[in-house]
Amino acid sequence: MIRQLPHKPRQFFDLFEEFGSGSIARLPKHQNGGFELHYIAEGHLHWEIEGRPFLVPPHSVFFTFPWEKHGSCVDFEPGHFFHFAVFRLKAGWEAGSKQPRLVPGFGFSESEQDQIFRKLLSARTRCFAAGRDLGWIIARLVRELAHPGVMARARVIALSKVVLCELVGAVHSQQDRNQNISASERQVLRFVDDLRLNCSKPWTLDSMAAACRLKRTRFEALTKALTGDSPLLLLNRFRVRQAQQLLKSGRHPITEIAFDLGFGSSQYFARVFQKLAGTTPSEYRRQQGSPAAYDQRFLKALNRLQKYPRFQRLAQRRTKSPAALSGGKLVNDDVAIGLTRMQNH
């Protein structure tokens, strides 16, 4: 379900390429020429950037640099709500400058922009915990873009400045916290990454805690703090994601998939799959191969925005990949589980 499609700002097209709020069954993979920032207010999302996966929990921010292809890893993720805005960048930066630059209308000095993008480009992940203030400010900015009021331009510029400054602060704070990560937290992070690849084993809460050499209550608390999920819910998310891949192939009976992935019965598998994927396993298998309506609506709206001449000129002028701009700093071990509070160094 889409509650709001991407929109072109009515009064601020010189500052933003697009914005929006709402939920979408699956975010189709796409790219644009701006700096895209999301605030996830509710729910968990499985997104990826250039093939690198992120598990994005609620109350987190997620950002992409220009021309990075990004979108959902899975087909349906109910119960979420997010706000986003794509900040417009100064023309010509992609032709060889070391860092992106926002358009002059935001009012940042050259040294301030250097601080902003130097910090963001140094981040080893793209997903960070958002404090209450940052989440509220992003939501307020998107509302102001959608419904401009008195002194709207001054308010949009002021909110934009605070958003970017708070984002830099969130990245800096998390990098500081990572230096003080405890041995127990590191152990849980390593285990979660292993669980993603070995979710078909007959895990129980006790066996997961024992694998981390932690008491059950301590293990539960750390897993919830680091991923936003309880251990058993996280386990089921990984299992459903693998089940979706097997269902797409069409070669395995549903009952066989259920037992192979560690579910005690096909009925329990169906209930978990329905809760996390929004449809039954059999219906999911039948739906494969036909373009989803939500893909069509989202991409149609995005294509309308990308027909504007300035967007086309940016696309033609692009000569440098986003991975090169970020120095290849994205580390698979970090982004595989999309940590928002700590990174697994």
C-alpha atoms as a PDB file:
ATOM      1  CA  MET A   1       0.000   0.000   0.000  1.00  0.00           C
ATOM      2  CA  ILE A   2       1.203   3.498  -0.816  1.00  0.00           C
ATOM      3  CA  ARG A   3      -0.204   6.337   1.245  1.00  0.00           C
ATOM      4  CA  GLN A   4       1.697   9.057  -0.560  1.00  0.00           C
ATOM      5  CA  LEU A   5       3.710   8.962  -3.769  1.00  0.00           C
ATOM      6  CA  PRO A   6       6.889  10.972  -4.301  1.00  0.00           C
ATOM      7  CA  HIS A   7       6.073  14.591  -5.019  1.00  0.00           C
ATOM      8  CA  LYS A   8       7.837  17.472  -6.704  1.00  0.00           C
ATOM      9  CA  PRO A   9       7.926  20.508  -4.362  1.00  0.00           C
ATOM     10  CA  ARG A  10       5.520  23.210  -5.492  1.00  0.00           C
ATOM     11  CA  GLN A  11       7.592  26.141  -4.221  1.00  0.00           C
ATOM     12  CA  PHE A  12      11.020  24.701  -3.522  1.00  0.00           C
ATOM     13  CA  PHE A  13      12.099  22.851  -6.650  1.00  0.00           C
ATOM     14  CA  ASP A  14      15.382  24.794  -6.551  1.00  0.00           C
ATOM     15  CA  LEU A  15      16.139  23.150  -3.178  1.00  0.00           C
ATOM     16  CA  PHE A  16      14.596  19.653  -3.344  1.00  0.00           C
ATOM     17  CA  GLU A  17      14.130  17.128  -6.124  1.00  0.00           C
ATOM     18  CA  GLU A  18      11.273  15.271  -4.425  1.00  0.00           C
ATOM     19  CA  PHE A  19       9.788  14.375  -1.042  1.00  0.00           C
ATOM     20  CA  GLY A  20       7.087  12.202   0.485  1.00  0.00           C
ATOM     21  CA  SER A  21       5.618  10.474   3.522  1.00  0.00           C
ATOM     22  CA  GLY A  22       3.793   7.185   3.921  1.00  0.00           C
ATOM     23  CA  SER A  23       4.295   3.490   3.377  1.00  0.00           C
ATOM     24  CA  ILE A  24       4.932   1.347   0.337  1.00  0.00           C
ATOM     25  CA  ALA A  25       4.655  -2.410  -0.003  1.00  0.00           C
ATOM     26  CA  ARG A  26       8.058  -2.532  -1.662  1.00  0.00           C
ATOM     27  CA  LEU A  27      10.390   0.311  -2.620  1.00  0.00           C
ATOM     28  CA  PRO A  28      11.410  -0.375  -6.241  1.00  0.00           C
ATOM     29  CA  LYS A  29      15.116  -0.014  -6.913  1.00  0.00           C
ATOM     30  CA  HIS A  30      15.787   3.467  -8.249  1.00  0.00           C
ATOM     31  CA  GLN A  31      18.354   6.254  -8.247  1.00  0.00           C
ATOM     32  CA  ASN A  32      18.407  10.021  -8.438  1.00  0.00           C
ATOM     33  CA  GLY A  33      20.848  12.918  -8.609  1.00  0.00           C
ATOM     34  CA  GLY A  34      20.358  14.266  -5.086  1.00  0.00           C
ATOM     35  CA  PHE A  35      21.153  13.458  -1.469  1.00  0.00           C
ATOM     36  CA  GLU A  36      18.247  11.279  -0.282  1.00  0.00           C
ATOM     37  CA  LEU A  37      17.372  11.123   3.409  1.00  0.00           C
ATOM     38  CA  HIS A  38      14.746   8.880   5.065  1.00  0.00           C
ATOM     39  CA  TYR A  39      13.402   8.810   8.586  1.00  0.00           C
ATOM     40  CA  ILE A  40      11.758   5.494   9.502  1.00  0.00           C
ATOM     41  CA  ALA A  41       9.052   6.339  12.020  1.00  0.00           C
ATOM     42  CA  GLU A  42       7.513   2.844  12.313  1.00  0.00           C
ATOM     43  CA  GLY A  43       8.324  -0.706  11.294  1.00  0.00           C
ATOM     44  CA  HIS A  44      11.375  -2.564  10.006  1.00  0.00           C
ATOM     45  CA  LEU A  45      12.572  -2.330   6.414  1.00  0.00           C
ATOM     46  CA  HIS A  46      14.984  -4.488   4.418  1.00  0.00           C
ATOM     47  CA  TRP A  47      16.659  -2.089   1.987  1.00  0.00           C
ATOM     48  CA  GLU A  48      19.830  -2.251  -0.045  1.00  0.00           C
ATOM     49  CA  ILE A  49      22.279   0.130  -1.722  1.00  0.00           C
ATOM     50  CA  GLU A  50      24.071  -1.201  -4.797  1.00  0.00           C
ATOM     51  CA  GLY A  51      23.402  -4.752  -3.628  1.00  0.00           C
ATOM     52  CA  ARG A  52      24.535  -4.211  -0.007  1.00  0.00           C
ATOM     53  CA  PRO A  53      21.700  -5.097   2.413  1.00  0.00           C
ATOM     54  CA  PHE A  54      20.527  -3.075   5.421  1.00  0.00           C
ATOM     55  CA  LEU A  55      18.010  -4.000   8.102  1.00  0.00           C
ATOM     56  CA  VAL A  56      16.535  -0.573   8.923  1.00  0.00           C
ATOM     57  CA  PRO A  57      14.699  -0.478  12.289  1.00  0.00           C
ATOM     58  CA  PRO A  58      12.170   2.108  13.475  1.00  0.00           C
ATOM     59  CA  HIS A  59      13.382   5.504  14.707  1.00  0.00           C
ATOM     60  CA  SER A  60      16.381   5.466  12.404  1.00  0.00           C
ATOM     61  CA  VAL A  61      17.667   7.580   9.520  1.00  0.00           C
ATOM     62  CA  PHE A  62      18.896   6.155   6.235  1.00  0.00           C
ATOM     63  CA  PHE A  63      20.643   8.109   3.482  1.00  0.00           C
ATOM     64  CA  THR A  64      22.027   7.598  -0.024  1.00  0.00           C
ATOM     65  CA  PHE A  65      24.397   9.584  -2.172  1.00  0.00           C
ATOM     66  CA  PRO A  66      23.588  10.568  -5.774  1.00  0.00           C
ATOM     67  CA  TRP A  67      23.140   7.849  -8.400  1.00  0.00           C
ATOM     68  CA  GLU A  68      23.329   4.981  -5.925  1.00  0.00           C
ATOM     69  CA  LYS A  69      20.718   2.408  -6.879  1.00  0.00           C
ATOM     70  CA  HIS A  70      18.698   1.542  -3.808  1.00  0.00           C
ATOM     71  CA  GLY A  71      15.393  -0.074  -2.859  1.00  0.00           C
ATOM     72  CA  SER A  72      13.790  -3.013  -1.043  1.00  0.00           C
ATOM     73  CA  CYS A  73      15.377  -6.440  -0.664  1.00  0.00           C
ATOM     74  CA  VAL A  74      12.046  -8.172  -0.008  1.00  0.00           C
ATOM     75  CA  ASP A  75       8.611  -7.960  -1.533  1.00  0.00           C
ATOM     76  CA  PHE A  76       6.331  -6.868   1.301  1.00  0.00           C
ATOM     77  CA  GLU A  77       7.010  -5.221   4.651  1.00  0.00           C
ATOM     78  CA  PRO A  78       3.806  -4.235   6.463  1.00  0.00           C
ATOM     79  CA  GLY A  79       3.440  -1.905   9.408  1.00  0.00           C
ATOM     80  CA  HIS A  80       5.943   0.771   8.491  1.00  0.00           C
ATOM     81  CA  PHE A  81       5.796   4.517   7.892  1.00  0.00           C
ATOM     82  CA  PHE A  82       8.576   6.828   6.729  1.00  0.00           C
ATOM     83  CA  HIS A  83       9.306  10.397   5.623  1.00  0.00           C
ATOM     84  CA  PHE A  84      11.888  11.289   2.984  1.00  0.00           C
ATOM     85  CA  ALA A  85      13.346  14.223   1.084  1.00  0.00           C
ATOM     86  CA  VAL A  86      15.895  14.456  -1.721  1.00  0.00           C
ATOM     87  CA  PHE A  87      18.151  17.489  -1.280  1.00  0.00           C
ATOM     88  CA  ARG A  88      19.236  19.112  -4.521  1.00  0.00           C
ATOM     89  CA  LEU A  89      22.972  19.270  -5.200  1.00  0.00           C
ATOM     90  CA  LYS A  90      25.001  21.890  -6.986  1.00  0.00           C
ATOM     91  CA  ALA A  91      25.402  21.201 -10.701  1.00  0.00           C
ATOM     92  CA  GLY A  92      28.835  20.040 -11.792  1.00  0.00           C
ATOM     93  CA  TRP A  93      30.057  18.348  -8.629  1.00  0.00           C
ATOM     94  CA  GLU A  94      29.913  14.899 -10.234  1.00  0.00           C
ATOM     95  CA  ALA A  95      32.308  15.935 -12.987  1.00  0.00           C
ATOM     96  CA  GLY A  96      35.327  15.612 -10.687  1.00  0.00           C
ATOM     97  CA  SER A  97      34.972  17.374  -7.349  1.00  0.00           C
ATOM     98  CA  LYS A  98      35.901  15.352  -4.278  1.00  0.00           C
ATOM     99  CA  GLN A  99      32.659  15.895  -2.367  1.00  0.00           C
ATOM    100  CA  PRO A 100      29.031  16.723  -3.208  1.00  0.00           C
ATOM    101  CA  ARG A 101      27.811  20.239  -2.622  1.00  0.00           C
ATOM    102  CA  LEU A 102      24.289  21.443  -1.843  1.00  0.00           C
ATOM    103  CA  VAL A 103      22.800  24.193  -3.958  1.00  0.00           C
ATOM    104  CA  PRO A 104      23.568  27.719  -2.645  1.00  0.00           C
ATOM    105  CA  GLY A 105      19.947  28.323  -1.626  1.00  0.00           C
ATOM    106  CA  PHE A 106      20.430  26.349   1.604  1.00  0.00           C
ATOM    107  CA  GLY A 107      22.882  28.993   2.798  1.00  0.00           C
ATOM    108  CA  PHE A 108      25.744  26.758   3.948  1.00  0.00           C
ATOM    109  CA  SER A 109      29.279  28.114   3.650  1.00  0.00           C
ATOM    110  CA  GLU A 110      31.947  26.124   1.831  1.00  0.00           C
ATOM    111  CA  SER A 111      33.610  25.100   5.103  1.00  0.00           C
ATOM    112  CA  GLU A 112      30.260  23.996   6.580  1.00  0.00           C
ATOM    113  CA  GLN A 113      29.501  21.853   3.549  1.00  0.00           C
ATOM    114  CA  ASP A 114      32.967  20.373   3.764  1.00  0.00           C
ATOM    115  CA  GLN A 115      32.297  19.341   7.374  1.00  0.00           C
ATOM    116  CA  ILE A 116      28.897  17.870   6.505  1.00  0.00           C
ATOM    117  CA  PHE A 117      29.945  15.689   3.589  1.00  0.00           C
ATOM    118  CA  ARG A 118      33.335  14.741   5.009  1.00  0.00           C
ATOM    119  CA  LYS A 119      31.558  13.262   8.028  1.00  0.00           C
ATOM    120  CA  LEU A 120      28.816  11.536   5.989  1.00  0.00           C
ATOM    121  CA  LEU A 121      31.281  10.077   3.486  1.00  0.00           C
ATOM    122  CA  SER A 122      33.386   8.694   6.338  1.00  0.00           C
ATOM    123  CA  ALA A 123      30.488   6.667   7.743  1.00  0.00           C
ATOM    124  CA  ARG A 124      30.853   2.903   7.408  1.00  0.00           C
ATOM    125  CA  THR A 125      27.097   2.415   7.252  1.00  0.00           C
ATOM    126  CA  ARG A 126      24.138   4.470   6.045  1.00  0.00           C
ATOM    127  CA  CYS A 127      21.715   3.694   8.851  1.00  0.00           C
ATOM    128  CA  PHE A 128      21.822   5.505  12.189  1.00  0.00           C
ATOM    129  CA  ALA A 129      19.700   5.873  15.285  1.00  0.00           C
ATOM    130  CA  ALA A 130      17.637   9.046  15.105  1.00  0.00           C
ATOM    131  CA  GLY A 131      16.955  10.897  18.318  1.00  0.00           C
ATOM    132  CA  ARG A 132      13.485  12.251  19.009  1.00  0.00           C
ATOM    133  CA  ASP A 133      14.487  15.722  17.801  1.00  0.00           C
ATOM    134  CA  LEU A 134      15.910  14.575  14.464  1.00  0.00           C
ATOM    135  CA  GLY A 135      12.879  12.436  13.671  1.00  0.00           C
ATOM    136  CA  TRP A 136      10.475  15.254  14.508  1.00  0.00           C
ATOM    137  CA  ILE A 137      12.421  17.797  12.419  1.00  0.00           C
ATOM    138  CA  ILE A 138      12.509  15.578   9.325  1.00  0.00           C
ATOM    139  CA  ALA A 139       8.763  14.943   9.594  1.00  0.00           C
ATOM    140  CA  ARG A 140       8.137  18.681  10.038  1.00  0.00           C
ATOM    141  CA  LEU A 141      10.307  19.509   7.001  1.00  0.00           C
ATOM    142  CA  VAL A 142       8.344  17.104   4.812  1.00  0.00           C
ATOM    143  CA  ARG A 143       5.043  18.537   6.042  1.00  0.00           C
ATOM    144  CA  GLU A 144       6.252  22.064   5.259  1.00  0.00           C
ATOM    145  CA  LEU A 145       7.205  20.996   1.728  1.00  0.00           C
ATOM    146  CA  ALA A 146       3.774  19.431   1.260  1.00  0.00           C
ATOM    147  CA  HIS A 147       1.783  22.321   2.759  1.00  0.00           C
ATOM    148  CA  PRO A 148       3.766  25.591   2.637  1.00  0.00           C
ATOM    149  CA  GLY A 149       2.552  28.231   5.075  1.00  0.00           C
ATOM    150  CA  VAL A 150       3.514  31.743   6.102  1.00  0.00           C
ATOM    151  CA  MET A 151       7.245  32.420   5.600  1.00  0.00           C
ATOM    152  CA  ALA A 152       7.477  28.917   4.154  1.00  0.00           C
ATOM    153  CA  ARG A 153      10.832  29.381   2.421  1.00  0.00           C
ATOM    154  CA  ALA A 154      12.533  30.690   5.547  1.00  0.00           C
ATOM    155  CA  ARG A 155      11.123  27.799   7.559  1.00  0.00           C
ATOM    156  CA  VAL A 156      12.121  25.177   4.971  1.00  0.00           C
ATOM    157  CA  ILE A 157      15.692  26.472   4.829  1.00  0.00           C
ATOM    158  CA  ALA A 158      15.942  26.653   8.629  1.00  0.00           C
ATOM    159  CA  LEU A 159      14.560  23.127   9.060  1.00  0.00           C
ATOM    160  CA  SER A 160      16.884  21.809   6.344  1.00  0.00           C
ATOM    161  CA  LYS A 161      19.912  23.234   8.107  1.00  0.00           C
ATOM    162  CA  VAL A 162      18.908  21.713  11.425  1.00  0.00           C
ATOM    163  CA  VAL A 163      18.209  18.330   9.798  1.00  0.00           C
ATOM    164  CA  LEU A 164      21.664  18.130   8.215  1.00  0.00           C
ATOM    165  CA  CYS A 165      23.439  19.374  11.346  1.00  0.00           C
ATOM    166  CA  GLU A 166      21.566  16.843  13.496  1.00  0.00           C
ATOM    167  CA  LEU A 167      22.370  14.076  10.985  1.00  0.00           C
ATOM    168  CA  VAL A 168      26.070  14.868  11.221  1.00  0.00           C
ATOM    169  CA  GLY A 169      25.713  14.834  15.014  1.00  0.00           C
ATOM    170  CA  ALA A 170      24.034  11.408  14.904  1.00  0.00           C
ATOM    171  CA  VAL A 171      26.852   9.984  12.766  1.00  0.00           C
ATOM    172  CA  HIS A 172      29.500  11.480  15.050  1.00  0.00           C
ATOM    173  CA  SER A 173      27.804  10.231  18.218  1.00  0.00           C
ATOM    174  CA  GLN A 174      27.491   6.722  16.880  1.00  0.00           C
ATOM    175  CA  GLN A 175      31.123   6.651  15.821  1.00  0.00           C
ATOM    176  CA  ASP A 176      32.080   7.655  19.366  1.00  0.00           C
ATOM    177  CA  ARG A 177      29.860   4.948  20.856  1.00  0.00           C
ATOM    178  CA  ASN A 178      31.401   2.346  18.570  1.00  0.00           C
ATOM    179  CA  GLN A 179      34.769   2.913  20.231  1.00  0.00           C
ATOM    180  CA  ASN A 180      33.280   1.845  23.570  1.00  0.00           C
ATOM    181  CA  ILE A 181      31.304  -1.182  22.395  1.00  0.00           C
ATOM    182  CA  SER A 182      31.423  -4.001  24.933  1.00  0.00           C
ATOM    183  CA  ALA A 183      32.609  -7.558  24.327  1.00  0.00           C
ATOM    184  CA  SER A 184      29.051  -8.829  24.867  1.00  0.00           C
ATOM    185  CA  GLU A 185      27.674  -6.456  22.264  1.00  0.00           C
ATOM    186  CA  ARG A 186      30.318  -7.518  19.756  1.00  0.00           C
ATOM    187  CA  GLN A 187      29.446 -11.143  20.371  1.00  0.00           C
ATOM    188  CA  VAL A 188      25.741 -10.509  19.755  1.00  0.00           C
ATOM    189  CA  LEU A 189      26.498  -8.593  16.547  1.00  0.00           C
ATOM    190  CA  ARG A 190      28.632 -11.438  15.223  1.00  0.00           C
ATOM    191  CA  PHE A 191      25.947 -13.937  16.137  1.00  0.00           C
ATOM    192  CA  VAL A 192      23.188 -11.936  14.406  1.00  0.00           C
ATOM    193  CA  ASP A 193      25.227 -11.812  11.213  1.00  0.00           C
ATOM    194  CA  ASP A 194      25.776 -15.589  11.445  1.00  0.00           C
ATOM    195  CA  LEU A 195      22.085 -16.145  12.193  1.00  0.00           C
ATOM    196  CA  ARG A 196      21.147 -14.426   8.949  1.00  0.00           C
ATOM    197  CA  LEU A 197      23.096 -17.077   7.036  1.00  0.00           C
ATOM    198  CA  ASN A 198      22.196 -20.050   9.253  1.00  0.00           C
ATOM    199  CA  CYS A 199      18.604 -19.334  10.218  1.00  0.00           C
ATOM    200  CA  SER A 200      17.419 -22.839   9.224  1.00  0.00           C
ATOM    201  CA  LYS A 201      19.076 -24.448  12.232  1.00  0.00           C
ATOM    202  CA  PRO A 202      16.722 -25.516  15.078  1.00  0.00           C
ATOM    203  CA  TRP A 203      17.395 -22.421  17.153  1.00  0.00           C
ATOM    204  CA  THR A 204      15.728 -21.768  20.491  1.00  0.00           C
ATOM    205  CA  LEU A 205      16.107 -18.715  22.695  1.00  0.00           C
ATOM    206  CA  ASP A 206      18.310 -20.724  25.069  1.00  0.00           C
ATOM    207  CA  SER A 207      20.553 -22.051  22.295  1.00  0.00           C
ATOM    208  CA  MET A 208      20.973 -18.580  20.793  1.00  0.00           C
ATOM    209  CA  ALA A 209      21.929 -17.134  24.171  1.00  0.00           C
ATOM    210  CA  ALA A 210      24.337 -20.026  24.773  1.00  0.00           C
ATOM    211  CA  ALA A 211      26.006 -19.374  21.403  1.00  0.00           C
ATOM    212  CA  CYS A 212      26.797 -15.879  22.665  1.00  0.00           C
ATOM    213  CA  ARG A 213      27.857 -17.139  26.108  1.00  0.00           C
ATOM    214  CA  LEU A 214      25.255 -14.886  27.704  1.00  0.00           C
ATOM    215  CA  LYS A 215      22.341 -15.337  30.055  1.00  0.00           C
ATOM    216  CA  ARG A 216      19.020 -15.400  28.269  1.00  0.00           C
ATOM    217  CA  THR A 217      17.702 -12.115  29.667  1.00  0.00           C
ATOM    218  CA  ARG A 218      20.957 -10.305  28.840  1.00  0.00           C
ATOM    219  CA  PHE A 219      20.988 -11.754  25.326  1.00  0.00           C
ATOM    220  CA  GLU A 220      17.369 -10.721  24.718  1.00  0.00           C
ATOM    221  CA  ALA A 221      18.014  -7.176  25.925  1.00  0.00           C
ATOM    222  CA  LEU A 222      21.137  -6.705  23.786  1.00  0.00           C
ATOM    223  CA  THR A 223      19.515  -8.143  20.658  1.00  0.00           C
ATOM    224  CA  LYS A 224      16.512  -5.858  21.064  1.00  0.00           C
ATOM    225  CA  ALA A 225      18.752  -2.826  21.652  1.00  0.00           C
ATOM    226  CA  LEU A 226      21.030  -3.542  18.690  1.00  0.00           C
ATOM    227  CA  THR A 227      18.518  -4.672  16.041  1.00  0.00           C
ATOM    228  CA  GLY A 228      15.126  -3.414  17.227  1.00  0.00           C
ATOM    229  CA  ASP A 229      13.767  -6.993  17.216  1.00  0.00           C
ATOM    230  CA  SER A 230      13.459  -9.739  19.786  1.00  0.00           C
ATOM    231  CA  PRO A 231      15.717 -12.732  18.972  1.00  0.00           C
ATOM    232  CA  LEU A 232      12.849 -14.978  17.851  1.00  0.00           C
ATOM    233  CA  LEU A 233      11.257 -12.278  15.691  1.00  0.00           C
ATOM    234  CA  LEU A 234      14.626 -11.557  14.066  1.00  0.00           C
ATOM    235  CA  LEU A 235      15.062 -15.282  13.421  1.00  0.00           C
ATOM    236  CA  ASN A 236      11.649 -15.451  11.739  1.00  0.00           C
ATOM    237  CA  ARG A 237      12.441 -12.401   9.588  1.00  0.00           C
ATOM    238  CA  PHE A 238      15.547 -14.117   8.246  1.00  0.00           C
ATOM    239  CA  ARG A 239      13.643 -17.365   7.661  1.00  0.00           C
ATOM    240  CA  VAL A 240      10.796 -15.654   5.803  1.00  0.00           C
ATOM    241  CA  ARG A 241      13.265 -13.820   3.618  1.00  0.00           C
ATOM    242  CA  GLN A 242      14.895 -17.128   2.626  1.00  0.00           C
ATOM    243  CA  ALA A 243      11.462 -18.649   2.109  1.00  0.00           C
ATOM    244  CA  GLN A 244      10.584 -15.898  -0.367  1.00  0.00           C
ATOM    245  CA  GLN A 245      13.622 -16.761  -2.449  1.00  0.00           C
ATOM    246  CA  LEU A 246      12.705 -20.468  -2.440  1.00  0.00           C
ATOM    247  CA  LEU A 247       9.071 -19.745  -3.309  1.00  0.00           C
ATOM    248  CA  LYS A 248      10.160 -17.693  -6.302  1.00  0.00           C
ATOM    249  CA  SER A 249      12.047 -20.657  -7.738  1.00  0.00           C
ATOM    250  CA  GLY A 250       8.870 -22.754  -7.699  1.00  0.00           C
ATOM    251  CA  ARG A 251      10.798 -25.993  -7.352  1.00  0.00           C
ATOM    252  CA  HIS A 252      10.080 -26.817  -3.715  1.00  0.00           C
ATOM    253  CA  PRO A 253       6.751 -27.732  -2.076  1.00  0.00           C
ATOM    254  CA  ILE A 254       5.660 -25.278   0.603  1.00  0.00           C
ATOM    255  CA  THR A 255       5.689 -27.942   3.319  1.00  0.00           C
ATOM    256  CA  GLU A 256       9.264 -28.868   2.410  1.00  0.00           C
ATOM    257  CA  ILE A 257      10.324 -25.212   2.593  1.00  0.00           C
ATOM    258  CA  ALA A 258       8.726 -24.866   6.022  1.00  0.00           C
ATOM    259  CA  PHE A 259      10.579 -27.829   7.513  1.00  0.00           C
ATOM    260  CA  ASP A 260      13.878 -27.055   5.761  1.00  0.00           C
ATOM    261  CA  LEU A 261      13.871 -23.560   7.290  1.00  0.00           C
ATOM    262  CA  GLY A 262      13.300 -24.841  10.812  1.00  0.00           C
ATOM    263  CA  PHE A 263       9.564 -24.295  11.269  1.00  0.00           C
ATOM    264  CA  GLY A 264       7.807 -26.940  13.350  1.00  0.00           C
ATOM    265  CA  SER A 265       4.822 -27.221  10.998  1.00  0.00           C
ATOM    266  CA  SER A 266       3.583 -25.861   7.703  1.00  0.00           C
ATOM    267  CA  GLN A 267       0.665 -24.214   9.531  1.00  0.00           C
ATOM    268  CA  TYR A 268       2.992 -22.249  11.823  1.00  0.00           C
ATOM    269  CA  PHE A 269       5.133 -21.309   8.826  1.00  0.00           C
ATOM    270  CA  ALA A 270       2.049 -19.996   7.025  1.00  0.00           C
ATOM    271  CA  ARG A 271       1.038 -17.856  10.034  1.00  0.00           C
ATOM    272  CA  VAL A 272       4.508 -16.341  10.404  1.00  0.00           C
ATOM    273  CA  PHE A 273       4.810 -15.756   6.663  1.00  0.00           C
ATOM    274  CA  GLN A 274       1.401 -14.048   6.552  1.00  0.00           C
ATOM    275  CA  LYS A 275       2.367 -11.756   9.434  1.00  0.00           C
ATOM    276  CA  LEU A 276       5.757 -10.707   8.038  1.00  0.00           C
ATOM    277  CA  ALA A 277       5.115 -10.835   4.288  1.00  0.00           C
ATOM    278  CA  GLY A 278       1.474  -9.735   4.186  1.00  0.00           C
ATOM    279  CA  THR A 279       0.275 -12.732   2.185  1.00  0.00           C
ATOM    280  CA  THR A 280       0.202 -16.517   2.361  1.00  0.00           C
ATOM    281  CA  PRO A 281       3.083 -18.587   0.934  1.00  0.00           C
ATOM    282  CA  SER A 282       0.881 -20.028  -1.828  1.00  0.00           C
ATOM    283  CA  GLU A 283      -0.446 -16.591  -2.819  1.00  0.00           C
ATOM    284  CA  TYR A 284       3.075 -15.175  -2.792  1.00  0.00           C
ATOM    285  CA  ARG A 285       4.198 -17.910  -5.191  1.00  0.00           C
ATOM    286  CA  ARG A 286       1.258 -17.234  -7.539  1.00  0.00           C
ATOM    287  CA  GLN A 287       1.983 -13.507  -7.640  1.00  0.00           C
ATOM    288  CA  GLN A 288       5.556 -13.883  -8.842  1.00  0.00           C
ATOM    289  CA  GLY A 289       6.281 -12.833 -12.416  1.00  0.00           C
ATOM    290  CA  SER A 290       3.671 -10.071 -12.810  1.00  0.00           C
ATOM    291  CA  PRO A 291       4.588  -6.403 -12.296  1.00  0.00           C
ATOM    292  CA  ALA A 292       3.179  -5.255  -8.970  1.00  0.00           C
ATOM    293  CA  ALA A 293       0.777  -2.341  -8.973  1.00  0.00           C
ATOM    294  CA  TYR A 294       2.769  -0.543  -6.297  1.00  0.00           C
ATOM    295  CA  ASP A 295       5.914  -0.804  -8.459  1.00  0.00           C
ATOM    296  CA  GLN A 296       4.055   0.659 -11.411  1.00  0.00           C
ATOM    297  CA  ARG A 297       2.608   3.582  -9.442  1.00  0.00           C
ATOM    298  CA  PHE A 298       5.855   4.461  -7.715  1.00  0.00           C
ATOM    299  CA  LEU A 299       7.989   4.275 -10.849  1.00  0.00           C
ATOM    300  CA  LYS A 300       5.412   6.206 -12.878  1.00  0.00           C
ATOM    301  CA  ALA A 301       5.513   9.040 -10.340  1.00  0.00           C
ATOM    302  CA  LEU A 302       9.316   8.934 -10.199  1.00  0.00           C
ATOM    303  CA  ASN A 303       9.591   8.961 -13.984  1.00  0.00           C
ATOM    304  CA  ARG A 304       7.421  12.076 -14.150  1.00  0.00           C
ATOM    305  CA  LEU A 305       9.844  13.842 -11.836  1.00  0.00           C
ATOM    306  CA  GLN A 306      12.853  12.670 -13.813  1.00  0.00           C
ATOM    307  CA  LYS A 307      11.534  14.127 -17.079  1.00  0.00           C
ATOM    308  CA  TYR A 308      12.405  17.625 -15.943  1.00  0.00           C
ATOM    309  CA  PRO A 309      15.284  18.998 -18.062  1.00  0.00           C
ATOM    310  CA  ARG A 310      17.594  19.671 -15.114  1.00  0.00           C
ATOM    311  CA  PHE A 311      17.383  16.062 -13.920  1.00  0.00           C
ATOM    312  CA  GLN A 312      18.210  14.809 -17.426  1.00  0.00           C
ATOM    313  CA  ARG A 313      21.235  17.117 -17.663  1.00  0.00           C
ATOM    314  CA  LEU A 314      22.530  15.789 -14.344  1.00  0.00           C
ATOM    315  CA  ALA A 315      22.128  12.190 -15.489  1.00  0.00           C
ATOM    316  CA  GLN A 316      23.989  12.865 -18.751  1.00  0.00           C
ATOM    317  CA  ARG A 317      26.809  14.666 -16.942  1.00  0.00           C
ATOM    318  CA  ARG A 318      27.404  11.882 -14.407  1.00  0.00           C
ATOM    319  CA  THR A 319      30.922  10.539 -14.834  1.00  0.00           C
ATOM    320  CA  LYS A 320      31.752   9.219 -11.384  1.00  0.00           C
ATOM    321  CA  SER A 321      30.156   6.384  -9.436  1.00  0.00           C
ATOM    322  CA  PRO A 322      28.857   6.956  -5.892  1.00  0.00           C
ATOM    323  CA  ALA A 323      31.038   4.102  -4.639  1.00  0.00           C
ATOM    324  CA  ALA A 324      34.090   6.042  -5.797  1.00  0.00           C
ATOM    325  CA  LEU A 325      32.894   9.182  -4.004  1.00  0.00           C
ATOM    326  CA  SER A 326      32.494   7.319  -0.732  1.00  0.00           C
ATOM    327  CA  GLY A 327      35.868   5.663  -1.140  1.00  0.00           C
ATOM    328  CA  GLY A 328      34.326   2.199  -1.012  1.00  0.00           C
ATOM    329  CA  LYS A 329      33.844   2.612   2.737  1.00  0.00           C
ATOM    330  CA  LEU A 330      30.665   0.562   2.987  1.00  0.00           C
ATOM    331  CA  VAL A 331      31.591  -2.651   4.732  1.00  0.00           C
ATOM    332  CA  ASN A 332      29.408  -5.684   4.112  1.00  0.00           C
ATOM    333  CA  ASP A 333      29.662  -6.946   7.693  1.00  0.00           C
ATOM    334  CA  ASP A 334      28.247  -3.663   8.945  1.00  0.00           C
ATOM    335  CA  VAL A 335      25.463  -3.147   6.451  1.00  0.00           C
ATOM    336  CA  ALA A 336      24.337  -6.774   6.426  1.00  0.00           C
ATOM    337  CA  ILE A 337      22.417  -6.210   9.632  1.00  0.00           C
ATOM    338  CA  GLY A 338      21.969  -2.436   9.298  1.00  0.00           C
ATOM    339  CA  LEU A 339      22.865  -1.520  12.870  1.00  0.00           C
ATOM    340  CA  THR A 340      21.541   1.817  14.015  1.00  0.00           C
ATOM    341  CA  ARG A 341      23.183   2.100  17.380  1.00  0.00           C
ATOM    342  CA  MET A 342      26.545   0.416  16.911  1.00  0.00           C
ATOM    343  CA  GLN A 343      28.691  -0.967  14.081  1.00  0.00           C
ATOM    344  CA  ASN A 344      30.601  -4.239  14.060  1.00  0.00           C
ATOM    345  CA  HIS A 345      34.185  -3.139  13.502  1.00  0.00           C
END
